């Protein structure tokens, strides 16, 4: 699943008429970068949740055939946040564990390698990165495969999740993923790994410009 429903308000004027997932890095939109990496990993069925200017995203991506995948859409009349959006999309996702990625994260990762490290008994498996310069405190700590309470690392916007962790959420009610993750961490039921490669949360115009500039200079 690709999370693509948010308003992207921190991007200011850039998202006034364009949804954030359709902003471009070089010749691809942010969401296309994710789709190409998912397809390269052998993932052929993708669910995208939509809310803000969602019709533009659906029109741009279509049914996914041009990317070699099948894309289904989960439309949110009200923005349901991360966990609420996943809860609504569960009928499309099914009951087996599924990969969730943020549309507005650019990451140079082999997703197939990440998936191979997930074990079926895990409720949630997160990708973490070192805290970026613009973030004073991170989201979690990490030790021997366990994601724990702390602030040493930042959630990278990529995870493999079990449908079971959403069973207590009421459908149609906005809910965030962070409280679920922190609850699992307290029970020592949250797992993950550290990614030391190229990662950027494209959360502001400045970060978008920096990433675009690197591509213009031949650095990807």
N, C-alpha and C. Protein backbone atom coordinates (compact mmCIF):
# COMPACT_ATOMS: atom_id res chain seq x y z
N UNK A 1 0.84 -1.19 0.00
CA UNK A 1 0.00 0.00 0.00
C UNK A 1 0.87 1.24 0.00
N UNK A 2 0.49 2.21 -0.80
CA UNK A 2 1.16 3.50 -0.82
C UNK A 2 0.22 4.53 -0.19
N UNK A 3 0.71 5.20 0.87
CA UNK A 3 -0.08 6.23 1.53
C UNK A 3 0.06 7.54 0.78
N UNK A 4 -1.03 8.01 0.20
CA UNK A 4 -0.96 9.17 -0.68
C UNK A 4 -2.13 10.13 -0.48
N UNK A 5 -2.76 10.08 0.70
CA UNK A 5 -3.98 10.85 0.90
C UNK A 5 -3.77 12.22 1.51
N UNK A 6 -2.60 12.48 2.08
CA UNK A 6 -2.38 13.71 2.84
C UNK A 6 -2.42 14.98 2.01
N UNK A 7 -2.56 16.10 2.71
CA UNK A 7 -2.68 17.40 2.04
C UNK A 7 -1.34 18.02 1.69
N UNK A 8 -0.26 17.63 2.36
CA UNK A 8 1.05 18.19 2.06
C UNK A 8 1.13 19.67 2.33
N UNK A 9 0.58 20.13 3.45
CA UNK A 9 0.49 21.56 3.72
C UNK A 9 1.85 22.23 3.89
N UNK A 10 2.85 21.48 4.34
CA UNK A 10 4.18 22.08 4.53
C UNK A 10 4.85 22.45 3.20
N UNK A 11 4.31 21.92 2.10
CA UNK A 11 4.88 22.25 0.79
C UNK A 11 4.37 23.59 0.27
N UNK A 12 3.48 24.22 1.05
CA UNK A 12 2.94 25.55 0.75
C UNK A 12 2.35 25.62 -0.66
N UNK A 13 2.77 26.58 -1.47
CA UNK A 13 2.15 26.83 -2.77
C UNK A 13 2.28 25.65 -3.74
N UNK A 14 3.28 24.79 -3.52
CA UNK A 14 3.53 23.70 -4.47
C UNK A 14 2.38 22.69 -4.50
N UNK A 15 1.63 22.61 -3.41
CA UNK A 15 0.52 21.65 -3.37
C UNK A 15 -0.84 22.34 -3.38
N UNK A 16 -0.87 23.61 -3.76
CA UNK A 16 -2.15 24.32 -3.82
C UNK A 16 -3.08 23.70 -4.86
N UNK A 17 -2.51 23.27 -5.98
CA UNK A 17 -3.31 22.69 -7.06
C UNK A 17 -2.80 21.32 -7.51
N UNK A 18 -1.75 20.85 -6.86
CA UNK A 18 -1.15 19.56 -7.22
C UNK A 18 -0.97 18.73 -5.96
N UNK A 19 -1.45 17.49 -5.95
CA UNK A 19 -1.21 16.65 -4.77
C UNK A 19 0.28 16.35 -4.62
N UNK A 20 0.75 16.29 -3.40
CA UNK A 20 2.17 16.11 -3.13
C UNK A 20 2.77 14.89 -3.84
N UNK A 21 2.09 13.74 -3.91
CA UNK A 21 2.69 12.58 -4.58
C UNK A 21 3.00 12.81 -6.05
N UNK A 22 2.42 13.85 -6.67
CA UNK A 22 2.68 14.11 -8.08
C UNK A 22 3.76 15.16 -8.30
N UNK A 23 4.39 15.64 -7.25
CA UNK A 23 5.56 16.50 -7.42
C UNK A 23 6.71 15.66 -7.98
N UNK A 24 7.56 16.27 -8.80
CA UNK A 24 8.55 15.49 -9.54
C UNK A 24 9.97 15.59 -8.99
N UNK A 25 10.64 14.47 -9.07
CA UNK A 25 12.09 14.38 -8.88
C UNK A 25 12.64 13.85 -10.20
N UNK A 26 13.37 14.68 -10.92
CA UNK A 26 13.84 14.32 -12.26
C UNK A 26 12.62 14.01 -13.14
N UNK A 27 12.62 12.85 -13.78
CA UNK A 27 11.56 12.55 -14.75
C UNK A 27 10.40 11.77 -14.16
N UNK A 28 10.38 11.57 -12.84
CA UNK A 28 9.31 10.79 -12.22
C UNK A 28 8.69 11.56 -11.06
N UNK A 29 7.41 11.34 -10.86
CA UNK A 29 6.76 11.88 -9.69
C UNK A 29 7.19 11.07 -8.46
N UNK A 30 6.97 11.66 -7.27
CA UNK A 30 7.34 10.96 -6.04
C UNK A 30 6.70 9.59 -5.96
N UNK A 31 5.42 9.50 -6.30
CA UNK A 31 4.74 8.21 -6.18
C UNK A 31 5.21 7.22 -7.24
N UNK A 32 5.63 7.72 -8.40
CA UNK A 32 6.17 6.81 -9.42
C UNK A 32 7.48 6.19 -8.97
N UNK A 33 8.32 6.96 -8.28
CA UNK A 33 9.56 6.37 -7.76
C UNK A 33 9.23 5.16 -6.89
N UNK A 34 8.20 5.29 -6.04
CA UNK A 34 7.81 4.17 -5.20
C UNK A 34 7.27 3.00 -6.03
N UNK A 35 6.44 3.30 -7.01
CA UNK A 35 5.86 2.24 -7.82
C UNK A 35 6.93 1.48 -8.58
N UNK A 36 7.89 2.18 -9.16
CA UNK A 36 8.96 1.50 -9.90
C UNK A 36 9.77 0.60 -8.97
N UNK A 37 10.06 1.05 -7.77
CA UNK A 37 10.82 0.21 -6.84
C UNK A 37 10.00 -1.00 -6.38
N UNK A 38 8.72 -0.80 -6.18
CA UNK A 38 7.85 -1.92 -5.81
C UNK A 38 7.79 -2.94 -6.93
N UNK A 39 7.63 -2.47 -8.16
CA UNK A 39 7.58 -3.39 -9.30
C UNK A 39 8.90 -4.14 -9.46
N UNK A 40 10.01 -3.45 -9.24
CA UNK A 40 11.32 -4.09 -9.35
C UNK A 40 11.48 -5.20 -8.31
N UNK A 41 10.79 -5.06 -7.17
CA UNK A 41 10.86 -6.06 -6.11
C UNK A 41 9.89 -7.22 -6.34
N UNK A 42 9.15 -7.16 -7.45
CA UNK A 42 8.23 -8.24 -7.77
C UNK A 42 6.82 -8.05 -7.23
N UNK A 43 6.54 -6.86 -6.71
CA UNK A 43 5.19 -6.58 -6.21
C UNK A 43 4.32 -6.12 -7.37
N UNK A 44 3.21 -6.81 -7.59
CA UNK A 44 2.39 -6.53 -8.77
C UNK A 44 1.01 -5.96 -8.42
N UNK A 45 0.63 -5.99 -7.15
CA UNK A 45 -0.67 -5.46 -6.74
C UNK A 45 -0.45 -4.36 -5.70
N UNK A 46 -0.93 -3.17 -6.00
CA UNK A 46 -0.69 -2.00 -5.14
C UNK A 46 -2.02 -1.31 -4.85
N UNK A 47 -2.22 -0.97 -3.59
CA UNK A 47 -3.37 -0.17 -3.17
C UNK A 47 -2.87 1.24 -2.84
N UNK A 48 -3.54 2.25 -3.36
CA UNK A 48 -3.19 3.65 -3.07
C UNK A 48 -4.40 4.31 -2.42
N UNK A 49 -4.19 4.92 -1.25
CA UNK A 49 -5.32 5.64 -0.66
C UNK A 49 -5.30 7.09 -1.14
N UNK A 50 -6.49 7.65 -1.31
CA UNK A 50 -6.65 8.97 -1.90
C UNK A 50 -7.57 9.83 -1.06
N UNK A 51 -7.25 11.12 -1.00
CA UNK A 51 -8.16 12.10 -0.40
C UNK A 51 -7.95 13.45 -1.10
N UNK A 52 -6.91 14.19 -0.69
CA UNK A 52 -6.69 15.53 -1.24
C UNK A 52 -6.29 15.46 -2.71
N UNK A 53 -7.11 16.05 -3.59
CA UNK A 53 -6.89 16.05 -5.04
C UNK A 53 -6.61 14.63 -5.55
N UNK A 54 -7.28 13.68 -4.94
CA UNK A 54 -7.03 12.28 -5.26
C UNK A 54 -7.34 11.91 -6.69
N UNK A 55 -8.31 12.60 -7.29
CA UNK A 55 -8.66 12.28 -8.68
C UNK A 55 -7.49 12.54 -9.62
N UNK A 56 -6.64 13.51 -9.28
CA UNK A 56 -5.46 13.77 -10.12
C UNK A 56 -4.50 12.59 -10.07
N UNK A 57 -4.33 12.02 -8.89
CA UNK A 57 -3.43 10.87 -8.75
C UNK A 57 -3.98 9.67 -9.52
N UNK A 58 -5.27 9.41 -9.36
CA UNK A 58 -5.88 8.28 -10.06
C UNK A 58 -5.81 8.46 -11.57
N UNK A 59 -6.06 9.67 -12.05
CA UNK A 59 -5.99 9.94 -13.49
C UNK A 59 -4.57 9.76 -14.01
N UNK A 60 -3.60 10.19 -13.23
CA UNK A 60 -2.19 10.13 -13.65
C UNK A 60 -1.68 8.69 -13.70
N UNK A 61 -2.00 7.91 -12.68
CA UNK A 61 -1.47 6.54 -12.59
C UNK A 61 -2.32 5.53 -13.34
N UNK A 62 -3.60 5.78 -13.42
CA UNK A 62 -4.49 4.83 -14.08
C UNK A 62 -4.56 3.51 -13.34
N UNK A 63 -4.71 2.44 -14.10
CA UNK A 63 -4.83 1.11 -13.47
C UNK A 63 -3.48 0.45 -13.20
N UNK A 64 -2.40 1.17 -13.55
CA UNK A 64 -1.06 0.65 -13.26
C UNK A 64 -0.41 -0.14 -14.37
N UNK A 65 -1.13 -0.42 -15.44
CA UNK A 65 -0.58 -1.27 -16.51
C UNK A 65 0.71 -0.70 -17.10
N UNK A 66 0.79 0.62 -17.20
CA UNK A 66 1.99 1.22 -17.80
C UNK A 66 3.23 1.03 -16.92
N UNK A 67 3.02 0.64 -15.66
CA UNK A 67 4.13 0.36 -14.75
C UNK A 67 4.34 -1.14 -14.55
N UNK A 68 3.49 -1.93 -15.18
CA UNK A 68 3.59 -3.38 -15.02
C UNK A 68 2.97 -3.89 -13.72
N UNK A 69 2.06 -3.10 -13.13
CA UNK A 69 1.40 -3.49 -11.89
C UNK A 69 -0.10 -3.25 -12.01
N UNK A 70 -0.84 -3.71 -11.02
CA UNK A 70 -2.26 -3.41 -10.91
C UNK A 70 -2.45 -2.47 -9.73
N UNK A 71 -3.09 -1.32 -9.95
CA UNK A 71 -3.32 -0.35 -8.90
C UNK A 71 -4.81 -0.28 -8.58
N UNK A 72 -5.12 -0.44 -7.30
CA UNK A 72 -6.48 -0.26 -6.79
C UNK A 72 -6.47 0.96 -5.87
N UNK A 73 -7.62 1.63 -5.77
CA UNK A 73 -7.68 2.86 -5.00
C UNK A 73 -8.66 2.74 -3.84
N UNK A 74 -8.26 3.32 -2.71
CA UNK A 74 -9.12 3.40 -1.53
C UNK A 74 -9.40 4.87 -1.28
N UNK A 75 -10.61 5.30 -1.60
CA UNK A 75 -10.97 6.72 -1.53
C UNK A 75 -11.46 7.06 -0.12
N UNK A 76 -10.89 8.09 0.46
CA UNK A 76 -11.29 8.56 1.78
C UNK A 76 -12.03 9.89 1.64
N UNK A 77 -13.33 9.88 1.92
CA UNK A 77 -14.10 11.11 1.86
C UNK A 77 -13.63 12.08 2.93
N UNK A 78 -13.26 11.54 4.09
CA UNK A 78 -12.63 12.30 5.16
C UNK A 78 -11.23 11.75 5.34
N UNK A 79 -10.24 12.62 5.55
CA UNK A 79 -8.87 12.16 5.74
C UNK A 79 -8.79 11.32 7.00
N UNK A 80 -8.34 10.06 6.86
CA UNK A 80 -8.37 9.11 7.96
C UNK A 80 -7.03 8.92 8.64
N UNK A 81 -6.01 9.68 8.25
CA UNK A 81 -4.66 9.51 8.79
C UNK A 81 -4.11 8.14 8.39
N UNK A 82 -2.92 7.83 8.87
CA UNK A 82 -2.21 6.64 8.38
C UNK A 82 -2.89 5.34 8.75
N UNK A 83 -3.12 5.13 10.05
CA UNK A 83 -3.73 3.87 10.48
C UNK A 83 -5.19 3.76 10.03
N UNK A 84 -5.92 4.87 10.12
CA UNK A 84 -7.31 4.86 9.68
C UNK A 84 -7.44 4.55 8.19
N UNK A 85 -6.50 5.08 7.39
CA UNK A 85 -6.51 4.81 5.96
C UNK A 85 -6.22 3.35 5.65
N UNK A 86 -5.29 2.77 6.39
CA UNK A 86 -4.97 1.36 6.20
C UNK A 86 -6.16 0.50 6.61
N UNK A 87 -6.79 0.84 7.74
CA UNK A 87 -7.96 0.10 8.20
C UNK A 87 -9.03 0.06 7.11
N UNK A 88 -9.31 1.20 6.49
CA UNK A 88 -10.33 1.27 5.44
C UNK A 88 -9.95 0.42 4.24
N UNK A 89 -8.65 0.32 3.96
CA UNK A 89 -8.19 -0.39 2.77
C UNK A 89 -8.02 -1.89 2.99
N UNK A 90 -8.22 -2.39 4.20
CA UNK A 90 -7.98 -3.81 4.48
C UNK A 90 -8.76 -4.77 3.57
N UNK A 91 -10.00 -4.45 3.18
CA UNK A 91 -10.68 -5.35 2.25
C UNK A 91 -9.94 -5.52 0.92
N UNK A 92 -9.18 -4.51 0.53
CA UNK A 92 -8.38 -4.60 -0.70
C UNK A 92 -7.03 -5.26 -0.44
N UNK A 93 -6.52 -5.09 0.77
CA UNK A 93 -5.19 -5.60 1.11
C UNK A 93 -5.21 -7.08 1.49
N UNK A 94 -6.30 -7.53 2.08
CA UNK A 94 -6.37 -8.92 2.51
C UNK A 94 -5.83 -9.10 3.92
N UNK A 95 -5.74 -10.33 4.36
CA UNK A 95 -5.37 -10.65 5.73
C UNK A 95 -3.90 -11.05 5.90
N UNK A 96 -3.18 -11.20 4.82
CA UNK A 96 -1.76 -11.52 4.93
C UNK A 96 -0.97 -10.23 5.17
N UNK A 97 0.23 -10.33 5.76
CA UNK A 97 1.05 -9.13 5.96
C UNK A 97 1.29 -8.39 4.65
N UNK A 98 1.37 -7.07 4.72
CA UNK A 98 1.52 -6.26 3.53
C UNK A 98 2.54 -5.15 3.78
N UNK A 99 3.16 -4.70 2.70
CA UNK A 99 4.13 -3.61 2.76
C UNK A 99 3.39 -2.29 2.67
N UNK A 100 3.80 -1.33 3.49
CA UNK A 100 3.23 0.02 3.45
C UNK A 100 4.37 1.02 3.26
N UNK A 101 4.22 1.92 2.29
CA UNK A 101 5.23 2.94 2.04
C UNK A 101 4.56 4.30 1.92
N UNK A 102 5.25 5.34 2.35
CA UNK A 102 4.76 6.70 2.19
C UNK A 102 5.07 7.19 0.78
N UNK A 103 4.11 7.87 0.18
CA UNK A 103 4.32 8.38 -1.17
C UNK A 103 5.36 9.48 -1.22
N UNK A 104 5.54 10.19 -0.11
CA UNK A 104 6.42 11.37 -0.13
C UNK A 104 7.82 11.09 0.42
N UNK A 105 8.22 9.83 0.41
CA UNK A 105 9.58 9.47 0.83
C UNK A 105 10.35 8.98 -0.38
N UNK A 106 11.55 9.54 -0.57
CA UNK A 106 12.44 9.06 -1.63
C UNK A 106 13.53 8.23 -0.96
N UNK A 107 13.66 6.98 -1.41
CA UNK A 107 14.61 6.09 -0.76
C UNK A 107 15.23 5.14 -1.78
N UNK A 108 16.53 5.07 -1.79
CA UNK A 108 17.25 4.22 -2.73
C UNK A 108 17.50 2.87 -2.07
N UNK A 109 16.48 2.01 -2.09
CA UNK A 109 16.55 0.74 -1.39
C UNK A 109 16.10 -0.39 -2.30
N UNK A 110 16.67 -1.56 -2.09
CA UNK A 110 16.18 -2.77 -2.73
C UNK A 110 15.07 -3.33 -1.84
N UNK A 111 13.83 -3.10 -2.20
CA UNK A 111 12.70 -3.49 -1.36
C UNK A 111 12.66 -5.00 -1.16
N UNK A 112 13.10 -5.75 -2.16
CA UNK A 112 13.11 -7.21 -2.02
C UNK A 112 13.97 -7.65 -0.85
N UNK A 113 15.11 -6.99 -0.64
CA UNK A 113 15.98 -7.30 0.49
C UNK A 113 15.27 -7.01 1.81
N UNK A 114 14.58 -5.90 1.87
CA UNK A 114 13.84 -5.53 3.07
C UNK A 114 12.77 -6.58 3.38
N UNK A 115 12.05 -7.01 2.37
CA UNK A 115 10.99 -7.99 2.58
C UNK A 115 11.54 -9.34 3.03
N UNK A 116 12.73 -9.68 2.58
CA UNK A 116 13.30 -10.98 2.97
C UNK A 116 13.62 -11.03 4.46
N UNK A 117 13.80 -9.88 5.08
CA UNK A 117 14.14 -9.85 6.50
C UNK A 117 12.91 -9.91 7.41
N UNK A 118 11.73 -9.84 6.80
CA UNK A 118 10.49 -9.92 7.57
C UNK A 118 10.14 -11.38 7.83
N UNK A 119 9.68 -11.67 9.06
CA UNK A 119 9.23 -13.01 9.42
C UNK A 119 7.73 -12.98 9.71
N UNK A 120 7.04 -14.03 9.32
CA UNK A 120 5.58 -14.06 9.40
C UNK A 120 5.05 -13.85 10.81
N UNK A 121 5.83 -14.20 11.82
CA UNK A 121 5.35 -14.06 13.19
C UNK A 121 5.41 -12.61 13.69
N UNK A 122 6.05 -11.72 12.92
CA UNK A 122 6.12 -10.32 13.32
C UNK A 122 4.77 -9.62 13.12
N UNK A 123 4.37 -8.80 14.08
CA UNK A 123 3.18 -7.96 13.90
C UNK A 123 3.49 -6.74 13.04
N UNK A 124 4.71 -6.23 13.20
CA UNK A 124 5.13 -5.06 12.43
C UNK A 124 6.64 -5.04 12.33
N UNK A 125 7.13 -4.70 11.13
CA UNK A 125 8.58 -4.66 10.86
C UNK A 125 8.87 -3.33 10.19
N UNK A 126 9.67 -2.49 10.84
CA UNK A 126 9.89 -1.11 10.39
C UNK A 126 11.29 -0.90 9.83
N UNK A 127 11.38 0.02 8.89
CA UNK A 127 12.66 0.50 8.41
C UNK A 127 12.96 1.81 9.13
N UNK A 128 14.15 1.87 9.72
CA UNK A 128 14.57 3.07 10.45
C UNK A 128 15.80 3.67 9.80
N UNK A 129 15.98 4.97 9.98
CA UNK A 129 17.17 5.67 9.52
C UNK A 129 17.72 6.51 10.67
N UNK A 130 18.98 6.90 10.57
CA UNK A 130 19.55 7.82 11.55
C UNK A 130 18.80 9.15 11.46
N UNK A 131 18.67 9.82 12.58
CA UNK A 131 17.93 11.09 12.59
C UNK A 131 18.56 12.09 11.63
N UNK A 132 17.77 12.64 10.70
CA UNK A 132 18.31 13.64 9.79
C UNK A 132 18.63 14.94 10.52
N UNK A 133 19.39 15.79 9.87
CA UNK A 133 19.83 17.04 10.50
C UNK A 133 18.67 17.94 10.89
N UNK A 134 17.57 17.85 10.12
CA UNK A 134 16.44 18.74 10.39
C UNK A 134 15.52 18.22 11.50
N UNK A 135 15.83 17.07 12.09
CA UNK A 135 14.96 16.48 13.12
C UNK A 135 15.75 16.32 14.42
N UNK A 136 15.39 17.09 15.43
CA UNK A 136 16.16 17.10 16.67
C UNK A 136 16.03 15.79 17.44
N UNK A 137 14.83 15.22 17.45
CA UNK A 137 14.59 13.98 18.20
C UNK A 137 13.91 12.97 17.29
N UNK A 138 14.37 11.73 17.37
CA UNK A 138 13.81 10.68 16.52
C UNK A 138 12.54 10.06 17.09
N UNK A 139 12.16 8.91 16.52
CA UNK A 139 10.91 8.26 16.87
C UNK A 139 11.10 7.05 17.77
N UNK A 140 12.26 6.37 17.62
CA UNK A 140 12.46 5.11 18.30
C UNK A 140 13.93 4.90 18.66
N UNK A 141 14.16 3.91 19.50
CA UNK A 141 15.49 3.35 19.72
C UNK A 141 15.54 1.98 19.04
N UNK A 142 16.72 1.40 18.99
CA UNK A 142 16.87 0.12 18.29
C UNK A 142 17.94 -0.72 18.97
N UNK A 143 17.65 -2.02 19.09
CA UNK A 143 18.62 -2.93 19.70
C UNK A 143 18.36 -4.36 19.26
N UNK A 144 19.33 -4.97 18.58
CA UNK A 144 19.29 -6.39 18.23
C UNK A 144 18.00 -6.81 17.54
N UNK A 145 17.57 -6.00 16.58
CA UNK A 145 16.38 -6.35 15.81
C UNK A 145 15.08 -5.83 16.38
N UNK A 146 15.11 -5.32 17.61
CA UNK A 146 13.91 -4.77 18.24
C UNK A 146 13.86 -3.26 18.09
N UNK A 147 12.68 -2.75 17.74
CA UNK A 147 12.43 -1.31 17.73
C UNK A 147 11.80 -0.97 19.07
N UNK A 148 12.44 -0.04 19.79
CA UNK A 148 12.08 0.23 21.18
C UNK A 148 11.75 1.71 21.37
N UNK A 149 11.18 2.02 22.53
CA UNK A 149 10.92 3.42 22.87
C UNK A 149 12.24 4.17 22.95
N UNK A 150 12.28 5.35 22.36
CA UNK A 150 13.50 6.15 22.36
C UNK A 150 13.48 7.17 21.25
N UNK A 151 14.60 7.85 21.04
CA UNK A 151 14.66 8.92 20.05
C UNK A 151 15.92 8.88 19.20
N UNK A 152 16.54 7.71 19.12
CA UNK A 152 17.81 7.62 18.40
C UNK A 152 17.67 7.48 16.89
N UNK A 153 16.51 6.97 16.45
CA UNK A 153 16.30 6.71 15.03
C UNK A 153 14.93 7.22 14.59
N UNK A 154 14.84 7.48 13.29
CA UNK A 154 13.61 8.00 12.68
C UNK A 154 12.95 6.92 11.82
N UNK A 155 11.65 6.81 11.92
CA UNK A 155 10.90 5.90 11.07
C UNK A 155 11.00 6.38 9.62
N UNK A 156 11.37 5.49 8.73
CA UNK A 156 11.67 5.86 7.34
C UNK A 156 10.45 5.86 6.43
N UNK A 157 9.26 5.55 6.96
CA UNK A 157 8.08 5.55 6.12
C UNK A 157 7.92 4.29 5.29
N UNK A 158 8.50 3.19 5.76
CA UNK A 158 8.36 1.90 5.09
C UNK A 158 8.25 0.82 6.16
N UNK A 159 7.26 -0.06 6.02
CA UNK A 159 7.05 -1.10 7.01
C UNK A 159 6.28 -2.27 6.40
N UNK A 160 6.41 -3.42 7.04
CA UNK A 160 5.56 -4.56 6.73
C UNK A 160 4.66 -4.77 7.94
N UNK A 161 3.36 -4.80 7.71
CA UNK A 161 2.40 -4.82 8.81
C UNK A 161 1.44 -6.00 8.70
N UNK A 162 1.01 -6.48 9.86
CA UNK A 162 -0.02 -7.50 9.93
C UNK A 162 -1.38 -6.83 10.05
N UNK A 163 -2.37 -7.37 9.38
CA UNK A 163 -3.72 -6.81 9.48
C UNK A 163 -4.24 -6.87 10.91
N UNK A 164 -3.72 -7.78 11.69
CA UNK A 164 -4.20 -8.00 13.06
C UNK A 164 -4.04 -6.76 13.94
N UNK A 165 -3.01 -5.96 13.68
CA UNK A 165 -2.76 -4.81 14.57
C UNK A 165 -3.80 -3.70 14.38
N UNK A 166 -4.66 -3.84 13.38
CA UNK A 166 -5.69 -2.84 13.13
C UNK A 166 -7.08 -3.31 13.58
N UNK A 167 -7.15 -4.48 14.17
CA UNK A 167 -8.46 -5.07 14.46
C UNK A 167 -9.28 -4.27 15.47
N UNK A 168 -8.61 -3.55 16.36
CA UNK A 168 -9.34 -2.79 17.38
C UNK A 168 -9.71 -1.38 16.93
N UNK A 169 -9.28 -0.99 15.74
CA UNK A 169 -9.64 0.33 15.23
C UNK A 169 -11.04 0.31 14.64
N UNK A 170 -11.77 1.39 14.87
CA UNK A 170 -13.10 1.53 14.29
C UNK A 170 -12.96 2.10 12.88
N UNK A 171 -13.57 1.44 11.91
CA UNK A 171 -13.44 1.89 10.52
C UNK A 171 -14.11 3.25 10.34
N UNK A 172 -13.47 4.10 9.56
CA UNK A 172 -14.01 5.41 9.27
C UNK A 172 -13.63 6.48 10.28
N UNK A 173 -12.84 6.12 11.29
CA UNK A 173 -12.40 7.07 12.31
C UNK A 173 -10.92 7.37 12.10
N UNK A 174 -10.52 8.63 12.00
CA UNK A 174 -9.10 8.96 11.81
C UNK A 174 -8.25 8.40 12.94
N UNK A 175 -7.12 7.81 12.56
CA UNK A 175 -6.19 7.24 13.55
C UNK A 175 -4.79 7.20 12.95
N UNK A 176 -3.80 7.44 13.81
CA UNK A 176 -2.40 7.45 13.36
C UNK A 176 -1.72 6.13 13.67
N UNK A 177 -0.66 5.84 12.91
CA UNK A 177 0.11 4.62 13.13
C UNK A 177 1.00 4.72 14.37
N UNK A 178 1.50 5.90 14.68
CA UNK A 178 2.49 6.04 15.75
C UNK A 178 2.04 5.42 17.07
N UNK A 179 0.82 5.67 17.55
CA UNK A 179 0.42 5.05 18.82
C UNK A 179 0.42 3.52 18.78
N UNK A 180 0.07 2.94 17.64
CA UNK A 180 0.11 1.49 17.50
C UNK A 180 1.53 1.00 17.59
N UNK A 181 2.44 1.67 16.88
CA UNK A 181 3.85 1.28 16.93
C UNK A 181 4.42 1.40 18.34
N UNK A 182 4.11 2.48 19.02
CA UNK A 182 4.65 2.68 20.36
C UNK A 182 4.10 1.66 21.35
N UNK A 183 2.84 1.28 21.16
CA UNK A 183 2.26 0.24 22.01
C UNK A 183 2.96 -1.09 21.80
N UNK A 184 3.24 -1.43 20.54
CA UNK A 184 3.96 -2.67 20.24
C UNK A 184 5.39 -2.61 20.79
N UNK A 185 6.02 -1.44 20.68
CA UNK A 185 7.39 -1.29 21.18
C UNK A 185 7.45 -1.53 22.69
N UNK A 186 6.46 -1.03 23.42
CA UNK A 186 6.43 -1.21 24.87
C UNK A 186 6.31 -2.69 25.24
N UNK A 187 5.63 -3.46 24.38
CA UNK A 187 5.46 -4.90 24.63
C UNK A 187 6.61 -5.72 24.03
N UNK A 188 7.58 -5.04 23.47
CA UNK A 188 8.71 -5.69 22.77
C UNK A 188 8.21 -6.60 21.65
N UNK A 189 7.25 -6.06 20.89
CA UNK A 189 6.66 -6.78 19.77
C UNK A 189 6.85 -6.02 18.46
N UNK A 190 7.75 -5.03 18.47
CA UNK A 190 8.01 -4.24 17.28
C UNK A 190 9.43 -4.53 16.80
N UNK A 191 9.56 -4.88 15.52
CA UNK A 191 10.84 -5.29 14.97
C UNK A 191 11.23 -4.38 13.82
N UNK A 192 12.49 -4.48 13.39
CA UNK A 192 12.90 -3.65 12.27
C UNK A 192 14.38 -3.74 11.97
N UNK A 193 14.83 -2.84 11.11
CA UNK A 193 16.23 -2.79 10.72
C UNK A 193 16.62 -1.36 10.43
N UNK A 194 17.92 -1.11 10.41
CA UNK A 194 18.46 0.23 10.14
C UNK A 194 18.89 0.31 8.67
N UNK A 195 18.48 1.37 8.01
CA UNK A 195 18.89 1.62 6.63
C UNK A 195 19.90 2.76 6.61
N UNK A 196 21.07 2.50 6.05
CA UNK A 196 22.14 3.50 6.02
C UNK A 196 22.34 4.12 4.64
N UNK A 197 21.45 3.83 3.72
CA UNK A 197 21.58 4.36 2.36
C UNK A 197 20.92 5.72 2.19
N UNK A 198 20.65 6.06 0.95
CA UNK A 198 20.12 7.38 0.58
C UNK A 198 18.62 7.44 0.86
N UNK A 199 18.23 8.34 1.75
CA UNK A 199 16.83 8.49 2.15
C UNK A 199 16.51 9.96 2.35
N UNK A 200 15.33 10.36 1.92
CA UNK A 200 14.89 11.73 2.15
C UNK A 200 13.37 11.77 2.32
N UNK A 201 12.94 12.35 3.41
CA UNK A 201 11.53 12.68 3.60
C UNK A 201 11.30 14.01 2.90
N UNK A 202 10.55 13.98 1.81
CA UNK A 202 10.37 15.20 1.01
C UNK A 202 9.22 16.00 1.62
N UNK A 203 9.50 16.59 2.79
CA UNK A 203 8.44 17.23 3.56
C UNK A 203 8.33 18.73 3.40
N UNK A 204 9.31 19.36 2.78
CA UNK A 204 9.29 20.82 2.63
C UNK A 204 9.78 21.18 1.23
N UNK A 205 9.47 22.39 0.75
CA UNK A 205 9.98 22.81 -0.55
C UNK A 205 11.51 22.77 -0.61
N UNK A 206 12.17 23.06 0.50
CA UNK A 206 13.63 23.08 0.52
C UNK A 206 14.20 21.67 0.29
N UNK A 207 13.60 20.67 0.92
CA UNK A 207 14.08 19.30 0.75
C UNK A 207 13.81 18.80 -0.66
N UNK A 208 12.66 19.20 -1.22
CA UNK A 208 12.36 18.84 -2.60
C UNK A 208 13.37 19.46 -3.55
N UNK A 209 13.68 20.73 -3.35
CA UNK A 209 14.64 21.44 -4.20
C UNK A 209 16.02 20.81 -4.10
N UNK A 210 16.41 20.44 -2.88
CA UNK A 210 17.73 19.82 -2.69
C UNK A 210 17.83 18.51 -3.45
N UNK A 211 16.79 17.70 -3.39
CA UNK A 211 16.80 16.42 -4.08
C UNK A 211 16.76 16.61 -5.59
N UNK A 212 15.96 17.55 -6.06
CA UNK A 212 15.92 17.84 -7.48
C UNK A 212 17.28 18.32 -7.98
N UNK A 213 17.95 19.14 -7.18
CA UNK A 213 19.27 19.65 -7.56
C UNK A 213 20.29 18.55 -7.67
N UNK A 214 20.22 17.55 -6.82
CA UNK A 214 21.16 16.43 -6.89
C UNK A 214 20.99 15.67 -8.20
N UNK A 215 19.77 15.51 -8.65
CA UNK A 215 19.55 14.82 -9.92
C UNK A 215 20.05 15.65 -11.08
N UNK A 216 19.84 16.95 -11.00
CA UNK A 216 20.33 17.84 -12.06
C UNK A 216 21.86 17.79 -12.17
N UNK A 217 22.51 17.53 -11.03
CA UNK A 217 23.96 17.45 -11.02
C UNK A 217 24.47 16.03 -11.25
N UNK A 218 23.56 15.15 -11.62
CA UNK A 218 23.97 13.78 -11.95
C UNK A 218 24.18 12.89 -10.76
N UNK A 219 23.68 13.29 -9.60
CA UNK A 219 23.83 12.46 -8.39
C UNK A 219 22.46 11.91 -8.03
N UNK A 220 22.34 10.57 -8.05
CA UNK A 220 21.08 9.94 -7.68
C UNK A 220 21.36 8.80 -6.74
